[in-house]
Amino acid sequence: RLQRGRERLRRSYERMEHGRTAHAAPGHAGPALGSRAPADSPGGA
């Protein structure tokens, strides 16, 4: 859920950023989430 949620967040945020690139300053990569990492690679349903 964390892996898929982060991926959805990234795609959603990129779509929003794409819509405002003409007015936004460069260099902001994404939302202020996703800095922590689980000990192992996610898996399961």
PDB file of all heavy atoms in Angstrom:
ATOM      1  N   ARG A   1       0.823  -1.207   0.000  1.00  0.00           N
ATOM      2  CA  ARG A   1       0.000   0.000   0.000  1.00  0.00           C
ATOM      3  C   ARG A   1       0.855   1.254   0.000  1.00  0.00           C
ATOM      4  O   ARG A   1       0.530   2.239  -0.677  1.00  0.00           O
ATOM      5  CB  ARG A   1      -0.943  -0.016   1.203  1.00  0.00           C
ATOM      6  CG  ARG A   1      -2.038  -1.057   1.072  1.00  0.00           C
ATOM      7  CD  ARG A   1      -2.850  -1.223   2.354  1.00  0.00           C
ATOM      8  NE  ARG A   1      -3.903  -2.220   2.155  1.00  0.00           N
ATOM      9  CZ  ARG A   1      -4.776  -2.591   3.084  1.00  0.00           C
ATOM     10  NH1 ARG A   1      -4.723  -2.021   4.294  1.00  0.00           N
ATOM     11  NH2 ARG A   1      -5.700  -3.487   2.810  1.00  0.00           N
ATOM     12  N   LEU A   2       1.955   1.227   0.741  1.00  0.00           N
ATOM     13  CA  LEU A   2       2.862   2.369   0.752  1.00  0.00           C
ATOM     14  C   LEU A   2       3.494   2.583  -0.626  1.00  0.00           C
ATOM     15  O   LEU A   2       3.553   3.712  -1.127  1.00  0.00           O
ATOM     16  CB  LEU A   2       3.959   2.164   1.797  1.00  0.00           C
ATOM     17  CG  LEU A   2       3.553   2.318   3.259  1.00  0.00           C
ATOM     18  CD1 LEU A   2       4.680   1.848   4.176  1.00  0.00           C
ATOM     19  CD2 LEU A   2       3.191   3.771   3.572  1.00  0.00           C
ATOM     20  N   GLN A   3       3.941   1.500  -1.228  1.00  0.00           N
ATOM     21  CA  GLN A   3       4.581   1.606  -2.538  1.00  0.00           C
ATOM     22  C   GLN A   3       3.601   2.128  -3.580  1.00  0.00           C
ATOM     23  O   GLN A   3       3.909   3.058  -4.329  1.00  0.00           O
ATOM     24  CB  GLN A   3       5.122   0.249  -2.971  1.00  0.00           C
ATOM     25  CG  GLN A   3       5.851   0.272  -4.317  1.00  0.00           C
ATOM     26  CD  GLN A   3       6.270  -1.115  -4.765  1.00  0.00           C
ATOM     27  OE1 GLN A   3       5.451  -2.039  -4.799  1.00  0.00           O
ATOM     28  NE2 GLN A   3       7.541  -1.265  -5.095  1.00  0.00           N
ATOM     29  N   ARG A   4       2.412   1.539  -3.608  1.00  0.00           N
ATOM     30  CA  ARG A   4       1.434   1.947  -4.613  1.00  0.00           C
ATOM     31  C   ARG A   4       0.895   3.346  -4.323  1.00  0.00           C
ATOM     32  O   ARG A   4       0.635   4.124  -5.250  1.00  0.00           O
ATOM     33  CB  ARG A   4       0.300   0.931  -4.664  1.00  0.00           C
ATOM     34  CG  ARG A   4       0.764  -0.438  -5.125  1.00  0.00           C
ATOM     35  CD  ARG A   4      -0.364  -1.435  -5.205  1.00  0.00           C
ATOM     36  NE  ARG A   4       0.137  -2.745  -5.581  1.00  0.00           N
ATOM     37  CZ  ARG A   4      -0.630  -3.780  -5.874  1.00  0.00           C
ATOM     38  NH1 ARG A   4      -1.948  -3.666  -5.817  1.00  0.00           N
ATOM     39  NH2 ARG A   4      -0.102  -4.944  -6.205  1.00  0.00           N
ATOM     40  N   GLY A   5       0.724   3.658  -3.031  1.00  0.00           N
ATOM     41  CA  GLY A   5       0.266   4.994  -2.674  1.00  0.00           C
ATOM     42  C   GLY A   5       1.266   6.056  -3.079  1.00  0.00           C
ATOM     43  O   GLY A   5       0.905   7.109  -3.609  1.00  0.00           O
ATOM     44  N   ARG A   6       2.549   5.799  -2.841  1.00  0.00           N
ATOM     45  CA  ARG A   6       3.591   6.758  -3.218  1.00  0.00           C
ATOM     46  C   ARG A   6       3.628   6.947  -4.731  1.00  0.00           C
ATOM     47  O   ARG A   6       3.828   8.058  -5.232  1.00  0.00           O
ATOM     48  CB  ARG A   6       4.945   6.284  -2.712  1.00  0.00           C
ATOM     49  CG  ARG A   6       5.134   6.438  -1.218  1.00  0.00           C
ATOM     50  CD  ARG A   6       6.307   5.621  -0.774  1.00  0.00           C
ATOM     51  NE  ARG A   6       6.686   5.894   0.600  1.00  0.00           N
ATOM     52  CZ  ARG A   6       7.516   5.123   1.288  1.00  0.00           C
ATOM     53  NH1 ARG A   6       8.038   4.052   0.724  1.00  0.00           N
ATOM     54  NH2 ARG A   6       7.820   5.421   2.541  1.00  0.00           N
ATOM     55  N   GLU A   7       3.470   5.833  -5.468  1.00  0.00           N
ATOM     56  CA  GLU A   7       3.489   5.935  -6.928  1.00  0.00           C
ATOM     57  C   GLU A   7       2.299   6.754  -7.427  1.00  0.00           C
ATOM     58  O   GLU A   7       2.441   7.591  -8.326  1.00  0.00           O
ATOM     59  CB  GLU A   7       3.469   4.527  -7.542  1.00  0.00           C
ATOM     60  CG  GLU A   7       3.451   4.497  -9.062  1.00  0.00           C
ATOM     61  CD  GLU A   7       4.676   5.150  -9.691  1.00  0.00           C
ATOM     62  OE1 GLU A   7       5.722   5.240  -9.022  1.00  0.00           O
ATOM     63  OE2 GLU A   7       4.574   5.575 -10.864  1.00  0.00           O
ATOM     64  N   ARG A   8       1.129   6.532  -6.848  1.00  0.00           N
ATOM     65  CA  ARG A   8      -0.044   7.330  -7.219  1.00  0.00           C
ATOM     66  C   ARG A   8       0.174   8.801  -6.873  1.00  0.00           C
ATOM     67  O   ARG A   8      -0.215   9.692  -7.633  1.00  0.00           O
ATOM     68  CB  ARG A   8      -1.286   6.805  -6.501  1.00  0.00           C
ATOM     69  CG  ARG A   8      -1.900   5.541  -7.109  1.00  0.00           C
ATOM     70  CD  ARG A   8      -3.041   5.060  -6.218  1.00  0.00           C
ATOM     71  NE  ARG A   8      -3.688   3.872  -6.749  1.00  0.00           N
ATOM     72  CZ  ARG A   8      -4.844   3.869  -7.400  1.00  0.00           C
ATOM     73  NH1 ARG A   8      -5.465   5.006  -7.620  1.00  0.00           N
ATOM     74  NH2 ARG A   8      -5.375   2.751  -7.836  1.00  0.00           N
ATOM     75  N   LEU A   9       0.743   9.047  -5.694  1.00  0.00           N
ATOM     76  CA  LEU A   9       1.029  10.426  -5.296  1.00  0.00           C
ATOM     77  C   LEU A   9       1.970  11.092  -6.295  1.00  0.00           C
ATOM     78  O   LEU A   9       1.762  12.243  -6.689  1.00  0.00           O
ATOM     79  CB  LEU A   9       1.657  10.456  -3.902  1.00  0.00           C
ATOM     80  CG  LEU A   9       0.731  10.304  -2.699  1.00  0.00           C
ATOM     81  CD1 LEU A   9       1.562  10.229  -1.424  1.00  0.00           C
ATOM     82  CD2 LEU A   9      -0.265  11.450  -2.616  1.00  0.00           C
ATOM     83  N   ARG A  10       3.011  10.356  -6.692  1.00  0.00           N
ATOM     84  CA  ARG A  10       3.983  10.919  -7.628  1.00  0.00           C
ATOM     85  C   ARG A  10       3.313  11.261  -8.952  1.00  0.00           C
ATOM     86  O   ARG A  10       3.503  12.370  -9.490  1.00  0.00           O
ATOM     87  CB  ARG A  10       5.123   9.925  -7.862  1.00  0.00           C
ATOM     88  CG  ARG A  10       6.239  10.457  -8.763  1.00  0.00           C
ATOM     89  CD  ARG A  10       7.261   9.380  -9.083  1.00  0.00           C
ATOM     90  NE  ARG A  10       6.671   8.284  -9.840  1.00  0.00           N
ATOM     91  CZ  ARG A  10       6.425   8.338 -11.153  1.00  0.00           C
ATOM     92  NH1 ARG A  10       6.705   9.436 -11.833  1.00  0.00           N
ATOM     93  NH2 ARG A  10       5.905   7.301 -11.768  1.00  0.00           N
ATOM     94  N   ARG A  11       2.497  10.330  -9.483  1.00  0.00           N
ATOM     95  CA  ARG A  11       1.829  10.591 -10.761  1.00  0.00           C
ATOM     96  C   ARG A  11       0.850  11.747 -10.644  1.00  0.00           C
ATOM     97  O   ARG A  11       0.762  12.609 -11.532  1.00  0.00           O
ATOM     98  CB  ARG A  11       1.108   9.324 -11.247  1.00  0.00           C
ATOM     99  CG  ARG A  11       2.038   8.191 -11.662  1.00  0.00           C
ATOM    100  CD  ARG A  11       1.309   7.182 -12.531  1.00  0.00           C
ATOM    101  NE  ARG A  11       0.150   6.627 -11.841  1.00  0.00           N
ATOM    102  CZ  ARG A  11       0.165   5.493 -11.156  1.00  0.00           C
ATOM    103  NH1 ARG A  11       1.290   4.801 -11.048  1.00  0.00           N
ATOM    104  NH2 ARG A  11      -0.929   5.039 -10.576  1.00  0.00           N
ATOM    105  N   SER A  12       0.085  11.756  -9.559  1.00  0.00           N
ATOM    106  CA  SER A  12      -0.885  12.834  -9.357  1.00  0.00           C
ATOM    107  C   SER A  12      -0.184  14.178  -9.255  1.00  0.00           C
ATOM    108  O   SER A  12      -0.606  15.180  -9.853  1.00  0.00           O
ATOM    109  CB  SER A  12      -1.712  12.562  -8.097  1.00  0.00           C
ATOM    110  OG  SER A  12      -2.598  13.625  -7.820  1.00  0.00           O
ATOM    111  N   TYR A  13       0.902  14.201  -8.491  1.00  0.00           N
ATOM    112  CA  TYR A  13       1.635  15.449  -8.293  1.00  0.00           C
ATOM    113  C   TYR A  13       2.271  15.912  -9.603  1.00  0.00           C
ATOM    114  O   TYR A  13       2.269  17.105  -9.917  1.00  0.00           O
ATOM    115  CB  TYR A  13       2.694  15.253  -7.219  1.00  0.00           C
ATOM    116  CG  TYR A  13       3.220  16.551  -6.666  1.00  0.00           C
ATOM    117  CD1 TYR A  13       2.537  17.224  -5.658  1.00  0.00           C
ATOM    118  CD2 TYR A  13       4.392  17.109  -7.158  1.00  0.00           C
ATOM    119  CE1 TYR A  13       3.020  18.425  -5.152  1.00  0.00           C
ATOM    120  CE2 TYR A  13       4.879  18.308  -6.663  1.00  0.00           C
ATOM    121  CZ  TYR A  13       4.187  18.954  -5.658  1.00  0.00           C
ATOM    122  OH  TYR A  13       4.658  20.149  -5.176  1.00  0.00           O
ATOM    123  N   GLU A  14       2.805  14.964 -10.385  1.00  0.00           N
ATOM    124  CA  GLU A  14       3.425  15.331 -11.657  1.00  0.00           C
ATOM    125  C   GLU A  14       2.396  15.926 -12.613  1.00  0.00           C
ATOM    126  O   GLU A  14       2.687  16.869 -13.356  1.00  0.00           O
ATOM    127  CB  GLU A  14       4.095  14.112 -12.293  1.00  0.00           C
ATOM    128  CG  GLU A  14       5.392  13.719 -11.610  1.00  0.00           C
ATOM    129  CD  GLU A  14       5.991  12.452 -12.178  1.00  0.00           C
ATOM    130  OE1 GLU A  14       5.308  11.775 -12.991  1.00  0.00           O
ATOM    131  OE2 GLU A  14       7.140  12.141 -11.829  1.00  0.00           O
ATOM    132  N   ARG A  15       1.156  15.384 -12.600  1.00  0.00           N
ATOM    133  CA  ARG A  15       0.106  15.945 -13.453  1.00  0.00           C
ATOM    134  C   ARG A  15      -0.209  17.380 -13.044  1.00  0.00           C
ATOM    135  O   ARG A  15      -0.391  18.257 -13.891  1.00  0.00           O
ATOM    136  CB  ARG A  15      -1.159  15.082 -13.385  1.00  0.00           C
ATOM    137  CG  ARG A  15      -1.051  13.776 -14.148  1.00  0.00           C
ATOM    138  CD  ARG A  15      -2.418  13.142 -14.338  1.00  0.00           C
ATOM    139  NE  ARG A  15      -3.029  12.772 -13.069  1.00  0.00           N
ATOM    140  CZ  ARG A  15      -2.891  11.596 -12.480  1.00  0.00           C
ATOM    141  NH1 ARG A  15      -2.133  10.666 -13.057  1.00  0.00           N
ATOM    142  NH2 ARG A  15      -3.489  11.330 -11.339  1.00  0.00           N
ATOM    143  N   MET A  16      -0.284  17.604 -11.720  1.00  0.00           N
ATOM    144  CA  MET A  16      -0.561  18.960 -11.250  1.00  0.00           C
ATOM    145  C   MET A  16       0.582  19.904 -11.601  1.00  0.00           C
ATOM    146  O   MET A  16       0.367  21.046 -11.999  1.00  0.00           O
ATOM    147  CB  MET A  16      -0.813  18.950  -9.741  1.00  0.00           C
ATOM    148  CG  MET A  16      -2.171  18.387  -9.361  1.00  0.00           C
ATOM    149  SD  MET A  16      -2.491  18.544  -7.590  1.00  0.00           S
ATOM    150  CE  MET A  16      -1.521  17.186  -6.944  1.00  0.00           C
ATOM    151  N   GLU A  17       1.821  19.419 -11.438  1.00  0.00           N
ATOM    152  CA  GLU A  17       2.975  20.246 -11.750  1.00  0.00           C
ATOM    153  C   GLU A  17       3.031  20.562 -13.239  1.00  0.00           C
ATOM    154  O   GLU A  17       3.370  21.678 -13.638  1.00  0.00           O
ATOM    155  CB  GLU A  17       4.263  19.527 -11.320  1.00  0.00           C
ATOM    156  CG  GLU A  17       4.484  19.516  -9.822  1.00  0.00           C
ATOM    157  CD  GLU A  17       4.763  20.909  -9.295  1.00  0.00           C
ATOM    158  OE1 GLU A  17       5.880  21.411  -9.484  1.00  0.00           O
ATOM    159  OE2 GLU A  17       3.844  21.504  -8.703  1.00  0.00           O
ATOM    160  N   HIS A  18       2.674  19.569 -14.063  1.00  0.00           N
ATOM    161  CA  HIS A  18       2.697  19.777 -15.506  1.00  0.00           C
ATOM    162  C   HIS A  18       1.733  20.886 -15.900  1.00  0.00           C
ATOM    163  O   HIS A  18       1.998  21.659 -16.822  1.00  0.00           O
ATOM    164  CB  HIS A  18       2.339  18.485 -16.234  1.00  0.00           C
ATOM    165  CG  HIS A  18       2.338  18.618 -17.728  1.00  0.00           C
ATOM    166  ND1 HIS A  18       3.505  18.745 -18.454  1.00  0.00           N
ATOM    167  CD2 HIS A  18       1.312  18.664 -18.622  1.00  0.00           C
ATOM    168  CE1 HIS A  18       3.194  18.857 -19.740  1.00  0.00           C
ATOM    169  NE2 HIS A  18       1.886  18.814 -19.871  1.00  0.00           N
ATOM    170  N   GLY A  19       0.619  20.971 -15.194  1.00  0.00           N
ATOM    171  CA  GLY A  19      -0.384  21.974 -15.510  1.00  0.00           C
ATOM    172  C   GLY A  19      -0.009  23.377 -15.083  1.00  0.00           C
ATOM    173  O   GLY A  19      -0.686  24.335 -15.450  1.00  0.00           O
ATOM    174  N   ARG A  20       1.055  23.502 -14.285  1.00  0.00           N
ATOM    175  CA  ARG A  20       1.432  24.830 -13.801  1.00  0.00           C
ATOM    176  C   ARG A  20       2.882  25.186 -14.134  1.00  0.00           C
ATOM    177  O   ARG A  20       3.422  26.148 -13.622  1.00  0.00           O
ATOM    178  CB  ARG A  20       1.222  24.923 -12.287  1.00  0.00           C
ATOM    179  CG  ARG A  20       2.057  23.933 -11.485  1.00  0.00           C
ATOM    180  CD  ARG A  20       1.713  23.967 -10.005  1.00  0.00           C
ATOM    181  NE  ARG A  20       2.143  25.178  -9.358  1.00  0.00           N
ATOM    182  CZ  ARG A  20       3.358  25.382  -8.866  1.00  0.00           C
ATOM    183  NH1 ARG A  20       4.296  24.446  -8.971  1.00  0.00           N
ATOM    184  NH2 ARG A  20       3.660  26.515  -8.270  1.00  0.00           N
ATOM    185  N   THR A  21       3.523  24.415 -15.045  1.00  0.00           N
ATOM    186  CA  THR A  21       4.938  24.638 -15.338  1.00  0.00           C
ATOM    187  C   THR A  21       5.202  26.010 -15.936  1.00  0.00           C
ATOM    188  O   THR A  21       6.300  26.560 -15.793  1.00  0.00           O
ATOM    189  CB  THR A  21       5.467  23.567 -16.303  1.00  0.00           C
ATOM    190  OG1 THR A  21       4.556  23.465 -17.417  1.00  0.00           O
ATOM    191  CG2 THR A  21       5.593  22.229 -15.613  1.00  0.00           C
ATOM    192  N   ALA A  22       4.212  26.558 -16.619  1.00  0.00           N
ATOM    193  CA  ALA A  22       4.420  27.861 -17.230  1.00  0.00           C
ATOM    194  C   ALA A  22       4.568  28.966 -16.190  1.00  0.00           C
ATOM    195  O   ALA A  22       5.117  30.028 -16.479  1.00  0.00           O
ATOM    196  CB  ALA A  22       3.264  28.189 -18.166  1.00  0.00           C
ATOM    197  N   HIS A  23       4.058  28.703 -14.958  1.00  0.00           N
ATOM    198  CA  HIS A  23       4.084  29.734 -13.920  1.00  0.00           C
ATOM    199  C   HIS A  23       4.938  29.348 -12.713  1.00  0.00           C
ATOM    200  O   HIS A  23       5.198  30.189 -11.863  1.00  0.00           O
ATOM    201  CB  HIS A  23       2.664  30.014 -13.435  1.00  0.00           C
ATOM    202  CG  HIS A  23       1.728  30.358 -14.546  1.00  0.00           C
ATOM    203  ND1 HIS A  23       1.754  31.568 -15.198  1.00  0.00           N
ATOM    204  CD2 HIS A  23       0.755  29.622 -15.140  1.00  0.00           C
ATOM    205  CE1 HIS A  23       0.820  31.579 -16.145  1.00  0.00           C
ATOM    206  NE2 HIS A  23       0.214  30.422 -16.128  1.00  0.00           N
ATOM    207  N   ALA A  24       5.356  28.086 -12.631  1.00  0.00           N
ATOM    208  CA  ALA A  24       6.067  27.624 -11.438  1.00  0.00           C
ATOM    209  C   ALA A  24       7.567  27.759 -11.617  1.00  0.00           C
ATOM    210  O   ALA A  24       8.102  27.631 -12.716  1.00  0.00           O
ATOM    211  CB  ALA A  24       5.712  26.163 -11.145  1.00  0.00           C
ATOM    212  N   ALA A  25       8.252  27.982 -10.499  1.00  0.00           N
ATOM    213  CA  ALA A  25       9.710  28.015 -10.516  1.00  0.00           C
ATOM    214  C   ALA A  25      10.233  26.602 -10.619  1.00  0.00           C
ATOM    215  O   ALA A  25       9.674  25.682 -10.044  1.00  0.00           O
ATOM    216  CB  ALA A  25      10.228  28.685  -9.249  1.00  0.00           C
ATOM    217  N   PRO A  26      11.324  26.344 -11.363  1.00  0.00           N
ATOM    218  CA  PRO A  26      11.871  24.993 -11.507  1.00  0.00           C
ATOM    219  C   PRO A  26      12.532  24.524 -10.227  1.00  0.00           C
ATOM    220  O   PRO A  26      12.867  25.310  -9.353  1.00  0.00           O
ATOM    221  CB  PRO A  26      12.914  25.159 -12.628  1.00  0.00           C
ATOM    222  CG  PRO A  26      13.326  26.599 -12.541  1.00  0.00           C
ATOM    223  CD  PRO A  26      12.093  27.353 -12.126  1.00  0.00           C
ATOM    224  N   GLY A  27      12.682  23.191 -10.147  1.00  0.00           N
ATOM    225  CA  GLY A  27      13.486  22.625  -9.074  1.00  0.00           C
ATOM    226  C   GLY A  27      12.714  21.938  -7.983  1.00  0.00           C
ATOM    227  O   GLY A  27      13.305  21.341  -7.101  1.00  0.00           O
ATOM    228  N   HIS A  28      11.343  22.021  -8.044  1.00  0.00           N
ATOM    229  CA  HIS A  28      10.576  21.325  -7.004  1.00  0.00           C
ATOM    230  C   HIS A  28      10.166  19.969  -7.524  1.00  0.00           C
ATOM    231  O   HIS A  28       9.425  19.872  -8.497  1.00  0.00           O
ATOM    232  CB  HIS A  28       9.345  22.147  -6.630  1.00  0.00           C
ATOM    233  CG  HIS A  28       8.580  21.551  -5.494  1.00  0.00           C
ATOM    234  ND1 HIS A  28       9.111  21.404  -4.234  1.00  0.00           N
ATOM    235  CD2 HIS A  28       7.334  21.033  -5.445  1.00  0.00           C
ATOM    236  CE1 HIS A  28       8.233  20.833  -3.442  1.00  0.00           C
ATOM    237  NE2 HIS A  28       7.139  20.598  -4.155  1.00  0.00           N
ATOM    238  N   ALA A  29      10.643  18.910  -6.926  1.00  0.00           N
ATOM    239  CA  ALA A  29      10.509  17.573  -7.495  1.00  0.00           C
ATOM    240  C   ALA A  29       9.219  16.875  -7.131  1.00  0.00           C
ATOM    241  O   ALA A  29       8.777  15.998  -7.845  1.00  0.00           O
ATOM    242  CB  ALA A  29      11.687  16.704  -7.070  1.00  0.00           C
ATOM    243  N   GLY A  30       8.583  17.202  -6.027  1.00  0.00           N
ATOM    244  CA  GLY A  30       7.396  16.466  -5.654  1.00  0.00           C
ATOM    245  C   GLY A  30       6.917  16.837  -4.286  1.00  0.00           C
ATOM    246  O   GLY A  30       7.491  17.724  -3.636  1.00  0.00           O
ATOM    247  N   PRO A  31       5.850  16.195  -3.798  1.00  0.00           N
ATOM    248  CA  PRO A  31       5.279  16.542  -2.512  1.00  0.00           C
ATOM    249  C   PRO A  31       6.177  16.154  -1.364  1.00  0.00           C
ATOM    250  O   PRO A  31       7.047  15.297  -1.499  1.00  0.00           O
ATOM    251  CB  PRO A  31       3.962  15.728  -2.496  1.00  0.00           C
ATOM    252  CG  PRO A  31       4.228  14.585  -3.411  1.00  0.00           C
ATOM    253  CD  PRO A  31       5.151  15.094  -4.460  1.00  0.00           C
ATOM    254  N   ALA A  32       5.937  16.763  -0.218  1.00  0.00           N
ATOM    255  CA  ALA A  32       6.777  16.520   0.964  1.00  0.00           C
ATOM    256  C   ALA A  32       6.340  15.258   1.677  1.00  0.00           C
ATOM    257  O   ALA A  32       6.019  15.251   2.850  1.00  0.00           O
ATOM    258  CB  ALA A  32       6.704  17.722   1.897  1.00  0.00           C
ATOM    259  N   LEU A  33       6.275  14.152   0.946  1.00  0.00           N
ATOM    260  CA  LEU A  33       5.934  12.857   1.508  1.00  0.00           C
ATOM    261  C   LEU A  33       6.850  11.828   0.865  1.00  0.00           C
ATOM    262  O   LEU A  33       7.402  12.049  -0.211  1.00  0.00           O
ATOM    263  CB  LEU A  33       4.473  12.483   1.207  1.00  0.00           C
ATOM    264  CG  LEU A  33       3.397  13.276   1.943  1.00  0.00           C
ATOM    265  CD1 LEU A  33       2.029  12.911   1.393  1.00  0.00           C
ATOM    266  CD2 LEU A  33       3.451  13.025   3.432  1.00  0.00           C
ATOM    267  N   GLY A  34       6.983  10.671   1.506  1.00  0.00           N
ATOM    268  CA  GLY A  34       7.757   9.599   0.913  1.00  0.00           C
ATOM    269  C   GLY A  34       9.216   9.591   1.296  1.00  0.00           C
ATOM    270  O   GLY A  34      10.020   8.961   0.629  1.00  0.00           O
ATOM    271  N   SER A  35       9.578  10.285   2.373  1.00  0.00           N
ATOM    272  CA  SER A  35      10.984  10.350   2.761  1.00  0.00           C
ATOM    273  C   SER A  35      11.429   9.127   3.547  1.00  0.00           C
ATOM    274  O   SER A  35      12.599   8.813   3.577  1.00  0.00           O
ATOM    275  CB  SER A  35      11.229  11.610   3.589  1.00  0.00           C
ATOM    276  OG  SER A  35      10.394  11.633   4.735  1.00  0.00           O
ATOM    277  N   ARG A  36      10.491   8.458   4.210  1.00  0.00           N
ATOM    278  CA  ARG A  36      10.842   7.254   4.966  1.00  0.00           C
ATOM    279  C   ARG A  36      10.727   6.036   4.066  1.00  0.00           C
ATOM    280  O   ARG A  36       9.948   6.006   3.131  1.00  0.00           O
ATOM    281  CB  ARG A  36       9.912   7.078   6.169  1.00  0.00           C
ATOM    282  CG  ARG A  36      10.026   8.151   7.214  1.00  0.00           C
ATOM    283  CD  ARG A  36       9.047   7.877   8.338  1.00  0.00           C
ATOM    284  NE  ARG A  36       9.405   6.676   9.079  1.00  0.00           N
ATOM    285  CZ  ARG A  36       8.516   5.870   9.670  1.00  0.00           C
ATOM    286  NH1 ARG A  36       7.228   6.114   9.567  1.00  0.00           N
ATOM    287  NH2 ARG A  36       8.926   4.821  10.342  1.00  0.00           N
ATOM    288  N   ALA A  37      11.505   5.010   4.380  1.00  0.00           N
ATOM    289  CA  ALA A  37      11.470   3.801   3.577  1.00  0.00           C
ATOM    290  C   ALA A  37      11.290   2.600   4.493  1.00  0.00           C
ATOM    291  O   ALA A  37      11.990   2.464   5.491  1.00  0.00           O
ATOM    292  CB  ALA A  37      12.759   3.655   2.780  1.00  0.00           C
ATOM    293  N   PRO A  38      10.358   1.673   4.155  1.00  0.00           N
ATOM    294  CA  PRO A  38      10.245   0.422   4.904  1.00  0.00           C
ATOM    295  C   PRO A  38      11.538  -0.362   4.817  1.00  0.00           C
ATOM    296  O   PRO A  38      12.328  -0.183   3.877  1.00  0.00           O
ATOM    297  CB  PRO A  38       9.082  -0.308   4.209  1.00  0.00           C
ATOM    298  CG  PRO A  38       8.330   0.766   3.492  1.00  0.00           C
ATOM    299  CD  PRO A  38       9.357   1.792   3.104  1.00  0.00           C
ATOM    300  N   ALA A  39      11.753  -1.241   5.744  1.00  0.00           N
ATOM    301  CA  ALA A  39      13.011  -1.985   5.813  1.00  0.00           C
ATOM    302  C   ALA A  39      13.212  -2.850   4.582  1.00  0.00           C
ATOM    303  O   ALA A  39      14.328  -3.007   4.097  1.00  0.00           O
ATOM    304  CB  ALA A  39      13.036  -2.851   7.066  1.00  0.00           C
ATOM    305  N   ASP A  40      12.110  -3.424   4.074  1.00  0.00           N
ATOM    306  CA  ASP A  40      12.213  -4.313   2.920  1.00  0.00           C
ATOM    307  C   ASP A  40      11.350  -3.775   1.800  1.00  0.00           C
ATOM    308  O   ASP A  40      10.488  -2.926   1.983  1.00  0.00           O
ATOM    309  CB  ASP A  40      11.737  -5.731   3.288  1.00  0.00           C
ATOM    310  CG  ASP A  40      12.549  -6.304   4.425  1.00  0.00           C
ATOM    311  OD1 ASP A  40      13.788  -6.271   4.330  1.00  0.00           O
ATOM    312  OD2 ASP A  40      11.930  -6.777   5.384  1.00  0.00           O
ATOM    313  N   SER A  41      11.591  -4.308   0.590  1.00  0.00           N
ATOM    314  CA  SER A  41      10.774  -3.915  -0.562  1.00  0.00           C
ATOM    315  C   SER A  41       9.356  -4.369  -0.370  1.00  0.00           C
ATOM    316  O   SER A  41       9.118  -5.510   0.063  1.00  0.00           O
ATOM    317  CB  SER A  41      11.367  -4.554  -1.806  1.00  0.00           C
ATOM    318  OG  SER A  41      10.543  -4.280  -2.946  1.00  0.00           O
ATOM    319  N   PRO A  42       8.350  -3.520  -0.662  1.00  0.00           N
ATOM    320  CA  PRO A  42       6.971  -3.902  -0.452  1.00  0.00           C
ATOM    321  C   PRO A  42       6.586  -5.074  -1.323  1.00  0.00           C
ATOM    322  O   PRO A  42       7.112  -5.305  -2.386  1.00  0.00           O
ATOM    323  CB  PRO A  42       6.173  -2.628  -0.858  1.00  0.00           C
ATOM    324  CG  PRO A  42       7.175  -1.528  -0.753  1.00  0.00           C
ATOM    325  CD  PRO A  42       8.479  -2.135  -1.100  1.00  0.00           C
ATOM    326  N   GLY A  43       5.553  -5.781  -0.845  1.00  0.00           N
ATOM    327  CA  GLY A  43       5.004  -6.884  -1.615  1.00  0.00           C
ATOM    328  C   GLY A  43       3.640  -7.221  -1.085  1.00  0.00           C
ATOM    329  O   GLY A  43       3.209  -6.726  -0.085  1.00  0.00           O
ATOM    330  N   GLY A  44       2.920  -8.057  -1.784  1.00  0.00           N
ATOM    331  CA  GLY A  44       1.600  -8.465  -1.324  1.00  0.00           C
ATOM    332  C   GLY A  44       0.521  -7.622  -1.949  1.00  0.00           C
ATOM    333  O   GLY A  44       0.748  -6.711  -2.711  1.00  0.00           O
ATOM    334  N   ALA A  45      -0.732  -7.910  -1.567  1.00  0.00           N
ATOM    335  CA  ALA A  45      -1.897  -7.232  -2.144  1.00  0.00           C
ATOM    336  C   ALA A  45      -2.149  -5.938  -1.445  1.00  0.00           C
ATOM    337  O   ALA A  45      -1.848  -5.759  -0.294  1.00  0.00           O
ATOM    338  CB  ALA A  45      -3.114  -8.142  -2.054  1.00  0.00           C
TER     339      ALA A  45
END
